[in-house]
Amino acid sequence: MKTLATCLFISAGVLASASNALASEALAKKYNCLACHTVDKKIIGPAYKDVATKYKGDAGAETKLISKIKKGGAGVWGQIPMPPNATVPDADVKTLVNWVLSLK
């Protein structure tokens, strides 16, 4: 019985993680982030996986990226500026940032 309960618990975690990833990608589509970014290759802006790699182990990454999304900026990934996204709700920005940082 323990094995079945463990399997169900793990399966629920996997499903929740997949659901969160889909919801986060839906937010990226909703706010038009995917016009300049993709998960795994550079378009205009960096690939999200490259962002995750750059900030891996950086305790302040979430705060830095939330600020960058809200205020915009240039120079970190090249000279093409990212426009500010001040109208995106803070909760959605935080969800997007955590999703990007979770990518491998």
PDB file of N, CA and C in Angstrom:
ATOM      1  N   MET A   1       0.813  -1.180   0.000  1.00  0.00           N
ATOM      2  CA  MET A   1       0.000   0.000   0.000  1.00  0.00           C
ATOM      3  C   MET A   1       0.863   1.253   0.000  1.00  0.00           C
ATOM      4  N   LYS A   2       1.973   1.223   0.733  1.00  0.00           N
ATOM      5  CA  LYS A   2       2.863   2.369   0.784  1.00  0.00           C
ATOM      6  C   LYS A   2       3.382   2.735  -0.608  1.00  0.00           C
ATOM      7  N   THR A   3       3.714   1.743  -1.386  1.00  0.00           N
ATOM      8  CA  THR A   3       4.242   1.972  -2.731  1.00  0.00           C
ATOM      9  C   THR A   3       3.208   2.652  -3.610  1.00  0.00           C
ATOM     10  N   LEU A   4       1.971   2.239  -3.535  1.00  0.00           N
ATOM     11  CA  LEU A   4       0.907   2.845  -4.323  1.00  0.00           C
ATOM     12  C   LEU A   4       0.708   4.299  -3.904  1.00  0.00           C
ATOM     13  N   ALA A   5       0.703   4.561  -2.602  1.00  0.00           N
ATOM     14  CA  ALA A   5       0.530   5.928  -2.110  1.00  0.00           C
ATOM     15  C   ALA A   5       1.696   6.799  -2.579  1.00  0.00           C
ATOM     16  N   THR A   6       2.906   6.266  -2.542  1.00  0.00           N
ATOM     17  CA  THR A   6       4.077   7.010  -3.001  1.00  0.00           C
ATOM     18  C   THR A   6       3.966   7.314  -4.483  1.00  0.00           C
ATOM     19  N   CYS A   7       3.553   6.340  -5.268  1.00  0.00           N
ATOM     20  CA  CYS A   7       3.391   6.542  -6.711  1.00  0.00           C
ATOM     21  C   CYS A   7       2.331   7.600  -7.000  1.00  0.00           C
ATOM     22  N   LEU A   8       1.231   7.551  -6.276  1.00  0.00           N
ATOM     23  CA  LEU A   8       0.170   8.543  -6.474  1.00  0.00           C
ATOM     24  C   LEU A   8       0.650   9.937  -6.109  1.00  0.00           C
ATOM     25  N   PHE A   9       1.417  10.038  -5.033  1.00  0.00           N
ATOM     26  CA  PHE A   9       1.952  11.327  -4.603  1.00  0.00           C
ATOM     27  C   PHE A   9       2.913  11.888  -5.644  1.00  0.00           C
ATOM     28  N   ILE A  10       3.805  11.057  -6.146  1.00  0.00           N
ATOM     29  CA  ILE A  10       4.760  11.477  -7.175  1.00  0.00           C
ATOM     30  C   ILE A  10       4.031  11.854  -8.451  1.00  0.00           C
ATOM     31  N   SER A  11       3.051  11.062  -8.843  1.00  0.00           N
ATOM     32  CA  SER A  11       2.275  11.362 -10.052  1.00  0.00           C
ATOM     33  C   SER A  11       1.555  12.690  -9.926  1.00  0.00           C
ATOM     34  N   ALA A  12       0.998  12.970  -8.771  1.00  0.00           N
ATOM     35  CA  ALA A  12       0.308  14.245  -8.553  1.00  0.00           C
ATOM     36  C   ALA A  12       1.288  15.402  -8.679  1.00  0.00           C
ATOM     37  N   GLY A  13       2.493  15.230  -8.156  1.00  0.00           N
ATOM     38  CA  GLY A  13       3.519  16.275  -8.257  1.00  0.00           C
ATOM     39  C   GLY A  13       3.936  16.520  -9.690  1.00  0.00           C
ATOM     40  N   VAL A  14       4.089  15.467 -10.460  1.00  0.00           N
ATOM     41  CA  VAL A  14       4.455  15.589 -11.871  1.00  0.00           C
ATOM     42  C   VAL A  14       3.355  16.303 -12.647  1.00  0.00           C
ATOM     43  N   LEU A  15       2.115  15.917 -12.394  1.00  0.00           N
ATOM     44  CA  LEU A  15       0.986  16.566 -13.070  1.00  0.00           C
ATOM     45  C   LEU A  15       0.880  18.036 -12.683  1.00  0.00           C
ATOM     46  N   ALA A  16       1.080  18.357 -11.422  1.00  0.00           N
ATOM     47  CA  ALA A  16       1.019  19.752 -10.980  1.00  0.00           C
ATOM     48  C   ALA A  16       2.126  20.565 -11.631  1.00  0.00           C
ATOM     49  N   SER A  17       3.313  19.987 -11.722  1.00  0.00           N
ATOM     50  CA  SER A  17       4.436  20.674 -12.356  1.00  0.00           C
ATOM     51  C   SER A  17       4.160  20.920 -13.836  1.00  0.00           C
ATOM     52  N   ALA A  18       3.639  19.933 -14.521  1.00  0.00           N
ATOM     53  CA  ALA A  18       3.307  20.088 -15.939  1.00  0.00           C
ATOM     54  C   ALA A  18       2.214  21.127 -16.121  1.00  0.00           C
ATOM     55  N   SER A  19       1.247  21.119 -15.225  1.00  0.00           N
ATOM     56  CA  SER A  19       0.160  22.088 -15.291  1.00  0.00           C
ATOM     57  C   SER A  19       0.689  23.506 -15.071  1.00  0.00           C
ATOM     58  N   ASN A  20       1.599  23.682 -14.115  1.00  0.00           N
ATOM     59  CA  ASN A  20       2.192  24.995 -13.856  1.00  0.00           C
ATOM     60  C   ASN A  20       2.992  25.476 -15.057  1.00  0.00           C
ATOM     61  N   ALA A  21       3.714  24.581 -15.694  1.00  0.00           N
ATOM     62  CA  ALA A  21       4.496  24.955 -16.878  1.00  0.00           C
ATOM     63  C   ALA A  21       3.582  25.405 -18.006  1.00  0.00           C
ATOM     64  N   LEU A  22       2.493  24.689 -18.219  1.00  0.00           N
ATOM     65  CA  LEU A  22       1.538  25.075 -19.265  1.00  0.00           C
ATOM     66  C   LEU A  22       0.884  26.408 -18.945  1.00  0.00           C
ATOM     67  N   ALA A  23       0.541  26.616 -17.672  1.00  0.00           N
ATOM     68  CA  ALA A  23      -0.075  27.880 -17.269  1.00  0.00           C
ATOM     69  C   ALA A  23       0.909  29.029 -17.467  1.00  0.00           C
ATOM     70  N   SER A  24       2.177  28.799 -17.151  1.00  0.00           N
ATOM     71  CA  SER A  24       3.184  29.844 -17.300  1.00  0.00           C
ATOM     72  C   SER A  24       3.440  30.154 -18.772  1.00  0.00           C
ATOM     73  N   GLU A  25       3.465  29.138 -19.594  1.00  0.00           N
ATOM     74  CA  GLU A  25       3.630  29.372 -21.024  1.00  0.00           C
ATOM     75  C   GLU A  25       2.408  30.120 -21.570  1.00  0.00           C
ATOM     76  N   ALA A  26       1.239  29.818 -21.043  1.00  0.00           N
ATOM     77  CA  ALA A  26       0.033  30.542 -21.457  1.00  0.00           C
ATOM     78  C   ALA A  26       0.138  32.016 -21.079  1.00  0.00           C
ATOM     79  N   LEU A  27       0.716  32.309 -19.909  1.00  0.00           N
ATOM     80  CA  LEU A  27       0.929  33.711 -19.527  1.00  0.00           C
ATOM     81  C   LEU A  27       1.912  34.388 -20.481  1.00  0.00           C
ATOM     82  N   ALA A  28       2.959  33.680 -20.866  1.00  0.00           N
ATOM     83  CA  ALA A  28       3.934  34.240 -21.811  1.00  0.00           C
ATOM     84  C   ALA A  28       3.255  34.575 -23.136  1.00  0.00           C
ATOM     85  N   LYS A  29       2.337  33.731 -23.553  1.00  0.00           N
ATOM     86  CA  LYS A  29       1.580  34.011 -24.781  1.00  0.00           C
ATOM     87  C   LYS A  29       0.641  35.189 -24.566  1.00  0.00           C
ATOM     88  N   LYS A  30      -0.061  35.187 -23.454  1.00  0.00           N
ATOM     89  CA  LYS A  30      -1.038  36.234 -23.151  1.00  0.00           C
ATOM     90  C   LYS A  30      -0.400  37.625 -23.180  1.00  0.00           C
ATOM     91  N   TYR A  31       0.796  37.749 -22.630  1.00  0.00           N
ATOM     92  CA  TYR A  31       1.449  39.057 -22.544  1.00  0.00           C
ATOM     93  C   TYR A  31       2.421  39.313 -23.696  1.00  0.00           C
ATOM     94  N   ASN A  32       2.357  38.470 -24.712  1.00  0.00           N
ATOM     95  CA  ASN A  32       3.136  38.633 -25.943  1.00  0.00           C
ATOM     96  C   ASN A  32       4.648  38.509 -25.739  1.00  0.00           C
ATOM     97  N   CYS A  33       5.066  37.830 -24.692  1.00  0.00           N
ATOM     98  CA  CYS A  33       6.494  37.611 -24.435  1.00  0.00           C
ATOM     99  C   CYS A  33       7.132  36.781 -25.552  1.00  0.00           C
ATOM    100  N   LEU A  34       6.329  35.867 -26.125  1.00  0.00           N
ATOM    101  CA  LEU A  34       6.855  34.940 -27.116  1.00  0.00           C
ATOM    102  C   LEU A  34       7.080  35.597 -28.476  1.00  0.00           C
ATOM    103  N   ALA A  35       6.760  36.875 -28.598  1.00  0.00           N
ATOM    104  CA  ALA A  35       7.098  37.604 -29.819  1.00  0.00           C
ATOM    105  C   ALA A  35       8.611  37.819 -29.906  1.00  0.00           C
ATOM    106  N   CYS A  36       9.265  37.880 -28.755  1.00  0.00           N
ATOM    107  CA  CYS A  36      10.714  38.138 -28.717  1.00  0.00           C
ATOM    108  C   CYS A  36      11.525  37.007 -28.091  1.00  0.00           C
ATOM    109  N   HIS A  37      10.876  36.107 -27.368  1.00  0.00           N
ATOM    110  CA  HIS A  37      11.565  35.034 -26.646  1.00  0.00           C
ATOM    111  C   HIS A  37      10.951  33.688 -26.996  1.00  0.00           C
ATOM    112  N   THR A  38      11.772  32.640 -26.919  1.00  0.00           N
ATOM    113  CA  THR A  38      11.273  31.264 -26.936  1.00  0.00           C
ATOM    114  C   THR A  38      11.958  30.532 -25.786  1.00  0.00           C
ATOM    115  N   VAL A  39      11.538  29.337 -25.548  1.00  0.00           N
ATOM    116  CA  VAL A  39      12.129  28.565 -24.465  1.00  0.00           C
ATOM    117  C   VAL A  39      13.579  28.209 -24.773  1.00  0.00           C
ATOM    118  N   ASP A  40      13.850  27.802 -26.008  1.00  0.00           N
ATOM    119  CA  ASP A  40      15.162  27.208 -26.262  1.00  0.00           C
ATOM    120  C   ASP A  40      16.014  27.838 -27.358  1.00  0.00           C
ATOM    121  N   LYS A  41      15.602  28.969 -27.932  1.00  0.00           N
ATOM    122  CA  LYS A  41      16.495  29.625 -28.890  1.00  0.00           C
ATOM    123  C   LYS A  41      16.267  31.132 -28.888  1.00  0.00           C
ATOM    124  N   LYS A  42      17.327  31.850 -29.166  1.00  0.00           N
ATOM    125  CA  LYS A  42      17.277  33.308 -29.199  1.00  0.00           C
ATOM    126  C   LYS A  42      16.500  33.755 -30.430  1.00  0.00           C
ATOM    127  N   ILE A  43      15.623  34.714 -30.239  1.00  0.00           N
ATOM    128  CA  ILE A  43      14.961  35.384 -31.369  1.00  0.00           C
ATOM    129  C   ILE A  43      15.478  36.820 -31.315  1.00  0.00           C
ATOM    130  N   ILE A  44      14.707  37.709 -30.737  1.00  0.00           N
ATOM    131  CA  ILE A  44      15.160  39.079 -30.497  1.00  0.00           C
ATOM    132  C   ILE A  44      15.797  39.129 -29.117  1.00  0.00           C
ATOM    133  N   GLY A  45      15.105  38.567 -28.155  1.00  0.00           N
ATOM    134  CA  GLY A  45      15.630  38.462 -26.800  1.00  0.00           C
ATOM    135  C   GLY A  45      16.195  37.074 -26.576  1.00  0.00           C
ATOM    136  N   PRO A  46      16.815  36.869 -25.430  1.00  0.00           N
ATOM    137  CA  PRO A  46      17.435  35.571 -25.148  1.00  0.00           C
ATOM    138  C   PRO A  46      16.405  34.455 -24.979  1.00  0.00           C
ATOM    139  N   ALA A  47      16.866  33.237 -25.206  1.00  0.00           N
ATOM    140  CA  ALA A  47      16.039  32.059 -24.914  1.00  0.00           C
ATOM    141  C   ALA A  47      15.845  31.977 -23.410  1.00  0.00           C
ATOM    142  N   TYR A  48      14.671  31.557 -22.998  1.00  0.00           N
ATOM    143  CA  TYR A  48      14.403  31.445 -21.569  1.00  0.00           C
ATOM    144  C   TYR A  48      15.360  30.483 -20.875  1.00  0.00           C
ATOM    145  N   LYS A  49      15.759  29.413 -21.546  1.00  0.00           N
ATOM    146  CA  LYS A  49      16.713  28.472 -20.951  1.00  0.00           C
ATOM    147  C   LYS A  49      18.066  29.145 -20.719  1.00  0.00           C
ATOM    148  N   ASP A  50      18.460  30.061 -21.614  1.00  0.00           N
ATOM    149  CA  ASP A  50      19.709  30.801 -21.426  1.00  0.00           C
ATOM    150  C   ASP A  50      19.613  31.736 -20.221  1.00  0.00           C
ATOM    151  N   VAL A  51      18.450  32.331 -20.029  1.00  0.00           N
ATOM    152  CA  VAL A  51      18.226  33.181 -18.854  1.00  0.00           C
ATOM    153  C   VAL A  51      18.343  32.341 -17.586  1.00  0.00           C
ATOM    154  N   ALA A  52      17.706  31.172 -17.591  1.00  0.00           N
ATOM    155  CA  ALA A  52      17.764  30.280 -16.428  1.00  0.00           C
ATOM    156  C   ALA A  52      19.202  29.877 -16.124  1.00  0.00           C
ATOM    157  N   THR A  53      19.972  29.580 -17.157  1.00  0.00           N
ATOM    158  CA  THR A  53      21.373  29.200 -16.969  1.00  0.00           C
ATOM    159  C   THR A  53      22.191  30.360 -16.405  1.00  0.00           C
ATOM    160  N   LYS A  54      22.000  31.546 -16.957  1.00  0.00           N
ATOM    161  CA  LYS A  54      22.746  32.728 -16.508  1.00  0.00           C
ATOM    162  C   LYS A  54      22.505  33.015 -15.029  1.00  0.00           C
ATOM    163  N   TYR A  55      21.275  32.854 -14.581  1.00  0.00           N
ATOM    164  CA  TYR A  55      20.920  33.224 -13.216  1.00  0.00           C
ATOM    165  C   TYR A  55      20.884  32.050 -12.239  1.00  0.00           C
ATOM    166  N   LYS A  56      21.288  30.868 -12.695  1.00  0.00           N
ATOM    167  CA  LYS A  56      21.294  29.692 -11.820  1.00  0.00           C
ATOM    168  C   LYS A  56      22.182  29.968 -10.604  1.00  0.00           C
ATOM    169  N   GLY A  57      21.651  29.736  -9.433  1.00  0.00           N
ATOM    170  CA  GLY A  57      22.409  29.923  -8.201  1.00  0.00           C
ATOM    171  C   GLY A  57      22.458  31.367  -7.716  1.00  0.00           C
ATOM    172  N   ASP A  58      21.860  32.289  -8.440  1.00  0.00           N
ATOM    173  CA  ASP A  58      21.839  33.699  -8.050  1.00  0.00           C
ATOM    174  C   ASP A  58      20.630  33.931  -7.147  1.00  0.00           C
ATOM    175  N   ALA A  59      20.874  34.166  -5.877  1.00  0.00           N
ATOM    176  CA  ALA A  59      19.789  34.334  -4.907  1.00  0.00           C
ATOM    177  C   ALA A  59      18.917  35.543  -5.223  1.00  0.00           C
ATOM    178  N   GLY A  60      19.446  36.535  -5.905  1.00  0.00           N
ATOM    179  CA  GLY A  60      18.682  37.729  -6.224  1.00  0.00           C
ATOM    180  C   GLY A  60      18.055  37.721  -7.606  1.00  0.00           C
ATOM    181  N   ALA A  61      18.124  36.586  -8.278  1.00  0.00           N
ATOM    182  CA  ALA A  61      17.648  36.501  -9.670  1.00  0.00           C
ATOM    183  C   ALA A  61      16.178  36.862  -9.803  1.00  0.00           C
ATOM    184  N   GLU A  62      15.344  36.346  -8.926  1.00  0.00           N
ATOM    185  CA  GLU A  62      13.907  36.612  -9.040  1.00  0.00           C
ATOM    186  C   GLU A  62      13.645  38.122  -8.989  1.00  0.00           C
ATOM    187  N   THR A  63      14.225  38.794  -8.017  1.00  0.00           N
ATOM    188  CA  THR A  63      14.025  40.240  -7.864  1.00  0.00           C
ATOM    189  C   THR A  63      14.551  40.998  -9.074  1.00  0.00           C
ATOM    190  N   LYS A  64      15.735  40.637  -9.543  1.00  0.00           N
ATOM    191  CA  LYS A  64      16.327  41.298 -10.712  1.00  0.00           C
ATOM    192  C   LYS A  64      15.448  41.154 -11.946  1.00  0.00           C
ATOM    193  N   LEU A  65      14.967  39.932 -12.184  1.00  0.00           N
ATOM    194  CA  LEU A  65      14.177  39.681 -13.386  1.00  0.00           C
ATOM    195  C   LEU A  65      12.787  40.304 -13.308  1.00  0.00           C
ATOM    196  N   ILE A  66      12.198  40.313 -12.130  1.00  0.00           N
ATOM    197  CA  ILE A  66      10.904  40.980 -11.971  1.00  0.00           C
ATOM    198  C   ILE A  66      11.064  42.458 -12.313  1.00  0.00           C
ATOM    199  N   SER A  67      12.102  43.068 -11.803  1.00  0.00           N
ATOM    200  CA  SER A  67      12.360  44.477 -12.088  1.00  0.00           C
ATOM    201  C   SER A  67      12.607  44.709 -13.574  1.00  0.00           C
ATOM    202  N   LYS A  68      13.387  43.836 -14.188  1.00  0.00           N
ATOM    203  CA  LYS A  68      13.696  43.966 -15.619  1.00  0.00           C
ATOM    204  C   LYS A  68      12.422  43.870 -16.462  1.00  0.00           C
ATOM    205  N   ILE A  69      11.559  42.957 -16.125  1.00  0.00           N
ATOM    206  CA  ILE A  69      10.309  42.808 -16.885  1.00  0.00           C
ATOM    207  C   ILE A  69       9.435  44.050 -16.698  1.00  0.00           C
ATOM    208  N   LYS A  70       9.304  44.501 -15.459  1.00  0.00           N
ATOM    209  CA  LYS A  70       8.421  45.641 -15.182  1.00  0.00           C
ATOM    210  C   LYS A  70       8.969  46.950 -15.770  1.00  0.00           C
ATOM    211  N   LYS A  71      10.290  47.169 -15.663  1.00  0.00           N
ATOM    212  CA  LYS A  71      10.886  48.443 -16.075  1.00  0.00           C
ATOM    213  C   LYS A  71      11.493  48.420 -17.474  1.00  0.00           C
ATOM    214  N   GLY A  72      11.765  47.220 -18.010  1.00  0.00           N
ATOM    215  CA  GLY A  72      12.448  47.110 -19.297  1.00  0.00           C
ATOM    216  C   GLY A  72      13.939  47.345 -19.107  1.00  0.00           C
ATOM    217  N   GLY A  73      14.664  47.371 -20.211  1.00  0.00           N
ATOM    218  CA  GLY A  73      16.102  47.615 -20.127  1.00  0.00           C
ATOM    219  C   GLY A  73      16.828  47.114 -21.341  1.00  0.00           C
ATOM    220  N   ALA A  74      18.139  47.336 -21.339  1.00  0.00           N
ATOM    221  CA  ALA A  74      18.998  46.899 -22.442  1.00  0.00           C
ATOM    222  C   ALA A  74      20.417  46.719 -21.925  1.00  0.00           C
ATOM    223  N   GLY A  75      21.205  46.013 -22.713  1.00  0.00           N
ATOM    224  CA  GLY A  75      22.620  45.892 -22.409  1.00  0.00           C
ATOM    225  C   GLY A  75      23.056  44.574 -21.828  1.00  0.00           C
ATOM    226  N   VAL A  76      22.180  43.855 -21.169  1.00  0.00           N
ATOM    227  CA  VAL A  76      22.563  42.576 -20.573  1.00  0.00           C
ATOM    228  C   VAL A  76      22.693  41.504 -21.648  1.00  0.00           C
ATOM    229  N   TRP A  77      21.778  41.505 -22.617  1.00  0.00           N
ATOM    230  CA  TRP A  77      21.750  40.486 -23.665  1.00  0.00           C
ATOM    231  C   TRP A  77      21.990  41.090 -25.046  1.00  0.00           C
ATOM    232  N   GLY A  78      22.402  42.318 -25.108  1.00  0.00           N
ATOM    233  CA  GLY A  78      22.610  42.994 -26.379  1.00  0.00           C
ATOM    234  C   GLY A  78      22.011  44.390 -26.313  1.00  0.00           C
ATOM    235  N   GLN A  79      22.054  45.084 -27.419  1.00  0.00           N
ATOM    236  CA  GLN A  79      21.626  46.477 -27.412  1.00  0.00           C
ATOM    237  C   GLN A  79      20.151  46.696 -27.755  1.00  0.00           C
ATOM    238  N   ILE A  80      19.447  45.669 -28.168  1.00  0.00           N
ATOM    239  CA  ILE A  80      18.018  45.824 -28.451  1.00  0.00           C
ATOM    240  C   ILE A  80      17.282  45.867 -27.109  1.00  0.00           C
ATOM    241  N   PRO A  81      16.603  46.969 -26.838  1.00  0.00           N
ATOM    242  CA  PRO A  81      15.964  47.091 -25.525  1.00  0.00           C
ATOM    243  C   PRO A  81      14.695  46.241 -25.396  1.00  0.00           C
ATOM    244  N   MET A  82      14.460  45.793 -24.171  1.00  0.00           N
ATOM    245  CA  MET A  82      13.191  45.157 -23.855  1.00  0.00           C
ATOM    246  C   MET A  82      12.297  46.266 -23.315  1.00  0.00           C
ATOM    247  N   PRO A  83      11.119  46.431 -23.896  1.00  0.00           N
ATOM    248  CA  PRO A  83      10.232  47.490 -23.411  1.00  0.00           C
ATOM    249  C   PRO A  83       9.701  47.165 -22.012  1.00  0.00           C
ATOM    250  N   PRO A  84       9.336  48.183 -21.271  1.00  0.00           N
ATOM    251  CA  PRO A  84       8.747  47.926 -19.954  1.00  0.00           C
ATOM    252  C   PRO A  84       7.382  47.257 -20.082  1.00  0.00           C
ATOM    253  N   ASN A  85       7.083  46.441 -19.112  1.00  0.00           N
ATOM    254  CA  ASN A  85       5.802  45.735 -19.059  1.00  0.00           C
ATOM    255  C   ASN A  85       5.109  46.075 -17.744  1.00  0.00           C
ATOM    256  N   ALA A  86       4.934  47.360 -17.509  1.00  0.00           N
ATOM    257  CA  ALA A  86       4.404  47.859 -16.239  1.00  0.00           C
ATOM    258  C   ALA A  86       2.957  47.460 -15.991  1.00  0.00           C
ATOM    259  N   THR A  87       2.226  47.143 -17.037  1.00  0.00           N
ATOM    260  CA  THR A  87       0.800  46.812 -16.857  1.00  0.00           C
ATOM    261  C   THR A  87       0.552  45.336 -16.542  1.00  0.00           C
ATOM    262  N   VAL A  88       1.587  44.515 -16.641  1.00  0.00           N
ATOM    263  CA  VAL A  88       1.425  43.094 -16.307  1.00  0.00           C
ATOM    264  C   VAL A  88       1.334  42.984 -14.780  1.00  0.00           C
ATOM    265  N   PRO A  89       0.297  42.338 -14.272  1.00  0.00           N
ATOM    266  CA  PRO A  89       0.146  42.213 -12.819  1.00  0.00           C
ATOM    267  C   PRO A  89       1.369  41.563 -12.163  1.00  0.00           C
ATOM    268  N   ASP A  90       1.715  42.058 -10.991  1.00  0.00           N
ATOM    269  CA  ASP A  90       2.896  41.564 -10.274  1.00  0.00           C
ATOM    270  C   ASP A  90       2.868  40.049 -10.084  1.00  0.00           C
ATOM    271  N   ALA A  91       1.718  39.505  -9.760  1.00  0.00           N
ATOM    272  CA  ALA A  91       1.614  38.049  -9.548  1.00  0.00           C
ATOM    273  C   ALA A  91       1.944  37.287 -10.825  1.00  0.00           C
ATOM    274  N   ASP A  92       1.510  37.796 -11.970  1.00  0.00           N
ATOM    275  CA  ASP A  92       1.815  37.137 -13.241  1.00  0.00           C
ATOM    276  C   ASP A  92       3.294  37.260 -13.595  1.00  0.00           C
ATOM    277  N   VAL A  93       3.886  38.415 -13.310  1.00  0.00           N
ATOM    278  CA  VAL A  93       5.323  38.591 -13.555  1.00  0.00           C
ATOM    279  C   VAL A  93       6.109  37.603 -12.700  1.00  0.00           C
ATOM    280  N   LYS A  94       5.748  37.483 -11.446  1.00  0.00           N
ATOM    281  CA  LYS A  94       6.447  36.549 -10.552  1.00  0.00           C
ATOM    282  C   LYS A  94       6.296  35.110 -11.043  1.00  0.00           C
ATOM    283  N   THR A  95       5.120  34.738 -11.489  1.00  0.00           N
ATOM    284  CA  THR A  95       4.890  33.390 -12.030  1.00  0.00           C
ATOM    285  C   THR A  95       5.761  33.164 -13.256  1.00  0.00           C
ATOM    286  N   LEU A  96       5.812  34.137 -14.151  1.00  0.00           N
ATOM    287  CA  LEU A  96       6.644  34.018 -15.362  1.00  0.00           C
ATOM    288  C   LEU A  96       8.116  33.879 -15.004  1.00  0.00           C
ATOM    289  N   VAL A  97       8.591  34.708 -14.088  1.00  0.00           N
ATOM    290  CA  VAL A  97      10.001  34.656 -13.687  1.00  0.00           C
ATOM    291  C   VAL A  97      10.337  33.300 -13.079  1.00  0.00           C
ATOM    292  N   ASN A  98       9.492  32.811 -12.195  1.00  0.00           N
ATOM    293  CA  ASN A  98       9.763  31.511 -11.570  1.00  0.00           C
ATOM    294  C   ASN A  98       9.739  30.382 -12.586  1.00  0.00           C
ATOM    295  N   TRP A  99       8.866  30.480 -13.566  1.00  0.00           N
ATOM    296  CA  TRP A  99       8.837  29.489 -14.641  1.00  0.00           C
ATOM    297  C   TRP A  99      10.125  29.535 -15.436  1.00  0.00           C
ATOM    298  N   VAL A 100      10.549  30.722 -15.846  1.00  0.00           N
ATOM    299  CA  VAL A 100      11.779  30.855 -16.636  1.00  0.00           C
ATOM    300  C   VAL A 100      12.963  30.301 -15.838  1.00  0.00           C
ATOM    301  N   LEU A 101      13.065  30.661 -14.568  1.00  0.00           N
ATOM    302  CA  LEU A 101      14.187  30.196 -13.755  1.00  0.00           C
ATOM    303  C   LEU A 101      14.160  28.688 -13.520  1.00  0.00           C
ATOM    304  N   SER A 102      13.004  28.070 -13.684  1.00  0.00           N
ATOM    305  CA  SER A 102      12.902  26.613 -13.475  1.00  0.00           C
ATOM    306  C   SER A 102      13.331  25.801 -14.692  1.00  0.00           C
ATOM    307  N   LEU A 103      13.490  26.467 -15.823  1.00  0.00           N
ATOM    308  CA  LEU A 103      13.810  25.746 -17.060  1.00  0.00           C
ATOM    309  C   LEU A 103      15.238  25.223 -17.032  1.00  0.00           C
ATOM    310  N   LYS A 104      15.432  24.076 -17.696  1.00  0.00           N
ATOM    311  CA  LYS A 104      16.767  23.455 -17.748  1.00  0.00           C
ATOM    312  C   LYS A 104      17.143  23.179 -19.165  1.00  0.00           C
TER     313      LYS A 104
END
